[in-house]
Amino acid sequence: MLDPIVTAHEINSPLAPILLAVEKKQAGVRHVPSHSHAQGQLLGTFTGLATVGIGEHLQQWIVPAIHAVWIPPNMLHSSLSHGPFHGWSVFVDEQACARLPTTLRTFRVSRLLREAVGRAATWKGQKLGRAELHLVEVIFDEIGNLPEERLGLPMPSDSRILRIATQFLADMTNQRTLEEWAAWTSIAPRTLSRLFVEQTGFNFGEWRQQARLMRALEMLARGEPVTRIALDLGYDNLSAFIAMFKKRFGVTPGKFSV
């Protein structure tokens, strides 16, 4: 049985504070099925890696250690830790979310935000005074102003394009070109290219690379060898994979902290 990070009573009570912060440690993998709630949620991890699924098409957002994802109110989402879970969440009253981002976003957690959340997690149902409300304002400012990092994999909604995306995710060694994928789904290459950009924000090549990067982070979190990761993602040689990874994250896969 899943041990909830907070109970429904804690966040839905009329006496619930404007902001509720909690920390959680779980020895095994933590999987929270798809659900939604009226509160906005900021989810982060101390160690390891978590994946957040969003919406009916399960768009994937990666949350590595020292990063967080902001989930606006009433957004359908699920989460999965890759290995033992050690993380934290901040739940924000729906009305207070009017001043916070209205779209999902991921960002690197600042030291200020981490310390503020840690302090807020020590509040145990107490009425928030002037000092506590000042700290709430700090947390809100950090959520709204920290630079966004693209750690998501948006999925297309068009059934034909979604079929391509799903097929590629099932076998990332697939080297079909855009034209070959277009023929596979009986769609014009120009239409395929346009729809990918409109529905994911990436062109086809960028989306495919983003998918491989997100999968690489998951595999690194499981402790899989870098060489195996490169081969499973369809790279002809290890150096090409390492170069791509370092260009995106600034460090080699072996030095990336998950």
Protein backbone atom coordinates (compact mmCIF):
# COMPACT_ATOMS: atom_id res chain seq x y z
CA MET A 1 0.00 0.00 0.00
CA LEU A 2 1.37 3.42 -0.96
CA ASP A 3 2.40 5.61 1.94
CA PRO A 4 1.13 9.06 0.86
CA ILE A 5 3.54 11.95 1.14
CA VAL A 6 0.61 13.91 2.61
CA THR A 7 -2.92 12.81 3.46
CA ALA A 8 -6.02 14.16 1.74
CA HIS A 9 -7.10 15.61 5.07
CA GLU A 10 -3.84 17.56 5.45
CA ILE A 11 -4.15 19.39 2.14
CA ASN A 12 -7.96 19.61 1.87
CA SER A 13 -8.75 20.74 5.38
CA PRO A 14 -10.25 24.25 5.64
CA LEU A 15 -7.49 24.92 8.17
CA ALA A 16 -4.72 23.86 5.78
CA PRO A 17 -2.01 26.55 5.47
CA ILE A 18 -1.33 28.47 2.28
CA LEU A 19 1.80 26.32 1.88
CA LEU A 20 2.55 22.82 3.16
CA ALA A 21 6.09 21.40 2.80
CA VAL A 22 7.01 17.76 3.50
CA GLU A 23 10.06 15.54 3.14
CA LYS A 24 9.92 11.81 2.42
CA LYS A 25 12.37 8.90 2.42
CA GLN A 26 11.43 5.47 1.12
CA ALA A 27 13.73 2.45 0.91
CA GLY A 28 12.23 1.11 -2.32
CA VAL A 29 10.94 2.48 -5.60
CA ARG A 30 8.11 4.97 -5.14
CA HIS A 31 5.30 4.97 -7.70
CA VAL A 32 2.35 7.34 -7.40
CA PRO A 33 -0.42 6.54 -9.95
CA SER A 34 -1.99 9.25 -12.08
CA HIS A 35 -4.04 11.71 -10.03
CA SER A 36 -4.75 15.42 -9.63
CA HIS A 37 -5.46 17.84 -6.79
CA ALA A 38 -6.52 21.43 -6.38
CA GLN A 39 -3.16 22.49 -4.95
CA GLY A 40 -0.10 23.33 -7.01
CA GLN A 41 2.85 21.06 -6.24
CA LEU A 42 6.61 21.54 -6.33
CA LEU A 43 8.36 18.15 -6.36
CA GLY A 44 12.09 17.71 -5.83
CA THR A 45 14.62 15.02 -4.94
CA PHE A 46 17.65 15.01 -2.64
CA THR A 47 19.22 12.00 -4.37
CA GLY A 48 18.42 9.75 -7.30
CA LEU A 49 16.01 10.48 -10.10
CA ALA A 50 12.25 10.71 -10.51
CA THR A 51 10.05 10.78 -13.59
CA VAL A 52 6.78 12.72 -13.64
CA GLY A 53 4.11 11.73 -16.17
CA ILE A 54 1.71 14.47 -17.25
CA GLY A 55 -1.71 14.22 -18.90
CA GLU A 56 -3.42 11.48 -20.84
CA HIS A 57 -0.50 11.04 -23.24
CA LEU A 58 1.96 10.74 -20.33
CA GLN A 59 4.39 13.43 -21.30
CA GLN A 60 7.56 12.64 -19.37
CA TRP A 61 9.44 15.12 -17.19
CA ILE A 62 12.71 14.16 -15.51
CA VAL A 63 13.58 15.36 -12.00
CA PRO A 64 17.27 14.68 -11.25
CA ALA A 65 18.74 15.41 -7.82
CA ILE A 66 18.95 19.14 -6.99
CA HIS A 67 16.20 19.84 -9.52
CA ALA A 68 12.47 20.29 -9.06
CA VAL A 69 9.31 20.31 -11.16
CA TRP A 70 6.41 22.72 -10.66
CA ILE A 71 2.98 21.13 -11.32
CA PRO A 72 0.11 23.67 -11.53
CA PRO A 73 -3.23 22.95 -9.80
CA ASN A 74 -5.64 20.32 -11.19
CA MET A 75 -3.07 18.88 -13.60
CA LEU A 76 -3.24 15.10 -14.06
CA HIS A 77 0.14 13.63 -13.09
CA SER A 78 1.96 10.55 -11.82
CA SER A 79 5.47 10.00 -10.47
CA LEU A 80 8.03 7.22 -10.36
CA SER A 81 11.39 7.09 -8.60
CA HIS A 82 14.22 5.20 -10.27
CA GLY A 83 15.51 3.45 -7.18
CA PRO A 84 14.88 4.41 -3.52
CA PHE A 85 13.07 7.71 -3.07
CA HIS A 86 14.43 10.58 -0.99
CA GLY A 87 12.69 13.78 -1.85
CA TRP A 88 10.33 16.55 -0.90
CA SER A 89 7.15 18.30 -1.97
CA VAL A 90 5.58 21.69 -1.47
CA PHE A 91 1.80 22.02 -1.84
CA VAL A 92 0.43 25.51 -2.52
CA ASP A 93 -3.15 26.63 -1.95
CA GLU A 94 -5.03 26.93 -5.25
CA GLN A 95 -5.84 30.63 -4.82
CA ALA A 96 -2.21 31.44 -4.04
CA CYS A 97 -1.19 29.71 -7.29
CA ALA A 98 -2.69 32.60 -9.26
CA ARG A 99 0.66 34.38 -8.91
CA LEU A 100 2.74 31.32 -9.84
CA PRO A 101 3.50 29.77 -13.27
CA THR A 102 0.44 28.35 -15.02
CA THR A 103 2.43 25.77 -16.97
CA LEU A 104 4.61 22.89 -15.85
CA ARG A 105 8.31 23.78 -15.58
CA THR A 106 11.53 22.25 -14.28
CA PHE A 107 14.51 24.10 -12.82
CA ARG A 108 17.65 23.67 -10.75
CA VAL A 109 16.91 24.27 -7.07
CA SER A 110 18.78 27.20 -5.57
CA ARG A 111 20.36 26.94 -2.14
CA LEU A 112 17.92 29.60 -0.94
CA LEU A 113 14.90 27.56 -2.07
CA ARG A 114 16.26 24.33 -0.60
CA GLU A 115 16.86 25.93 2.80
CA ALA A 116 13.47 27.66 2.77
CA VAL A 117 11.66 24.41 1.95
CA GLY A 118 13.61 22.60 4.67
CA ARG A 119 12.50 25.18 7.22
CA ALA A 120 8.89 25.03 6.02
CA ALA A 121 8.91 21.24 6.38
CA THR A 122 9.37 21.68 10.14
CA TRP A 123 6.03 23.48 10.45
CA LYS A 124 3.65 20.90 11.88
CA GLY A 125 0.17 22.30 11.39
CA GLN A 126 0.96 25.49 13.24
CA LYS A 127 -0.67 28.78 12.31
CA LEU A 128 1.70 30.73 10.10
CA GLY A 129 2.94 33.94 11.66
CA ARG A 130 4.74 36.91 10.12
CA ALA A 131 8.12 35.13 9.89
CA GLU A 132 6.60 32.02 8.31
CA LEU A 133 4.61 34.04 5.78
CA HIS A 134 7.77 35.92 4.83
CA LEU A 135 9.43 32.57 4.08
CA VAL A 136 6.41 31.55 2.01
CA GLU A 137 6.98 34.68 -0.09
CA VAL A 138 10.61 33.67 -0.61
CA ILE A 139 9.54 30.22 -1.85
CA PHE A 140 6.97 31.76 -4.20
CA ASP A 141 9.58 34.15 -5.62
CA GLU A 142 12.01 31.30 -6.26
CA ILE A 143 9.36 29.17 -8.00
CA GLY A 144 8.47 32.04 -10.29
CA ASN A 145 11.93 33.37 -11.05
CA LEU A 146 14.43 30.49 -11.22
CA PRO A 147 15.59 29.83 -14.82
CA GLU A 148 13.74 26.97 -16.50
CA GLU A 149 15.66 23.89 -17.67
CA ARG A 150 14.26 21.72 -20.45
CA LEU A 151 14.05 18.30 -18.82
CA GLY A 152 10.77 17.24 -20.35
CA LEU A 153 9.69 15.05 -23.23
CA PRO A 154 6.38 16.39 -24.59
CA MET A 155 4.34 13.78 -26.44
CA PRO A 156 2.33 14.66 -29.58
CA SER A 157 -1.46 14.41 -29.52
CA ASP A 158 -2.07 13.58 -33.19
CA SER A 159 -2.63 9.79 -33.32
CA ARG A 160 -0.28 9.31 -36.28
CA ILE A 161 2.55 11.29 -34.72
CA LEU A 162 1.95 9.69 -31.33
CA ARG A 163 2.31 6.28 -33.00
CA ILE A 164 5.76 7.29 -34.27
CA ALA A 165 6.80 8.62 -30.87
CA THR A 166 5.61 5.48 -29.08
CA GLN A 167 7.36 3.20 -31.56
CA PHE A 168 10.62 5.09 -31.19
CA LEU A 169 10.46 5.03 -27.39
CA ALA A 170 10.03 1.26 -27.55
CA ASP A 171 13.23 0.91 -29.63
CA MET A 172 15.63 3.83 -29.53
CA THR A 173 18.13 2.03 -31.76
CA ASN A 174 15.73 2.69 -34.66
CA GLN A 175 17.55 4.88 -37.20
CA ARG A 176 14.67 5.65 -39.56
CA THR A 177 14.83 9.12 -41.11
CA LEU A 178 11.92 11.54 -40.93
CA GLU A 179 11.01 10.62 -44.51
CA GLU A 180 10.99 6.91 -43.64
CA TRP A 181 8.80 7.52 -40.59
CA ALA A 182 6.46 9.58 -42.74
CA ALA A 183 6.12 6.72 -45.22
CA TRP A 184 5.57 4.29 -42.33
CA THR A 185 2.51 6.28 -41.22
CA SER A 186 1.36 7.38 -44.71
CA ILE A 187 1.79 11.06 -43.92
CA ALA A 188 3.61 13.75 -45.90
CA PRO A 189 7.11 14.50 -44.52
CA ARG A 190 6.35 18.22 -44.41
CA THR A 191 3.17 17.57 -42.41
CA LEU A 192 5.04 15.28 -40.02
CA SER A 193 7.72 17.90 -39.48
CA ARG A 194 5.18 20.67 -38.89
CA LEU A 195 3.08 18.65 -36.44
CA PHE A 196 6.09 17.63 -34.35
CA VAL A 197 7.04 21.27 -33.84
CA GLU A 198 3.46 22.42 -33.19
CA GLN A 199 2.68 19.66 -30.69
CA THR A 200 5.99 19.15 -28.86
CA GLY A 201 8.00 22.35 -29.33
CA PHE A 202 10.82 20.28 -30.87
CA ASN A 203 11.55 19.37 -34.46
CA PHE A 204 11.76 15.62 -35.06
CA GLY A 205 15.54 15.40 -34.67
CA GLU A 206 15.51 17.46 -31.47
CA TRP A 207 12.67 15.41 -30.01
CA ARG A 208 14.48 12.16 -30.75
CA GLN A 209 17.66 13.45 -29.06
CA GLN A 210 15.66 14.69 -26.07
CA ALA A 211 14.04 11.25 -25.74
CA ARG A 212 17.46 9.61 -25.70
CA LEU A 213 18.78 12.06 -23.12
CA MET A 214 15.83 11.45 -20.80
CA ARG A 215 16.25 7.68 -21.14
CA ALA A 216 20.00 8.04 -20.49
CA LEU A 217 19.30 9.78 -17.18
CA GLU A 218 16.95 6.98 -16.13
CA MET A 219 19.53 4.32 -17.01
CA LEU A 220 22.31 6.20 -15.20
CA ALA A 221 20.11 6.34 -12.10
CA ARG A 222 19.81 2.54 -12.23
CA GLY A 223 23.59 2.26 -12.32
CA GLU A 224 23.86 0.85 -15.84
CA PRO A 225 27.27 1.08 -17.59
CA VAL A 226 27.74 4.03 -19.92
CA THR A 227 28.74 1.78 -22.83
CA ARG A 228 25.52 -0.22 -22.54
CA ILE A 229 23.49 2.99 -22.37
CA ALA A 230 25.10 4.30 -25.55
CA LEU A 231 24.37 1.07 -27.44
CA ASP A 232 20.78 0.80 -26.15
CA LEU A 233 20.13 4.35 -27.32
CA GLY A 234 21.32 3.65 -30.83
CA TYR A 235 24.73 5.37 -30.84
CA ASP A 236 27.36 3.85 -33.11
CA ASN A 237 30.16 4.52 -30.65
CA LEU A 238 30.65 5.56 -27.05
CA SER A 239 32.45 8.81 -27.81
CA ALA A 240 29.51 10.15 -29.86
CA PHE A 241 27.14 9.54 -26.95
CA ILE A 242 29.49 11.11 -24.40
CA ALA A 243 29.97 14.18 -26.61
CA MET A 244 26.20 14.64 -27.01
CA PHE A 245 25.60 14.20 -23.28
CA LYS A 246 28.35 16.64 -22.29
CA LYS A 247 27.08 19.24 -24.76
CA ARG A 248 23.63 19.08 -23.14
CA PHE A 249 24.54 18.77 -19.43
CA GLY A 250 28.06 20.19 -19.26
CA VAL A 251 29.59 17.00 -17.83
CA THR A 252 30.20 13.47 -19.02
CA PRO A 253 27.68 10.73 -18.11
CA GLY A 254 30.11 9.27 -15.57
CA LYS A 255 30.25 12.58 -13.68
CA PHE A 256 26.56 13.44 -13.85
CA SER A 257 25.06 13.39 -10.35
CA VAL A 258 21.75 11.52 -10.07
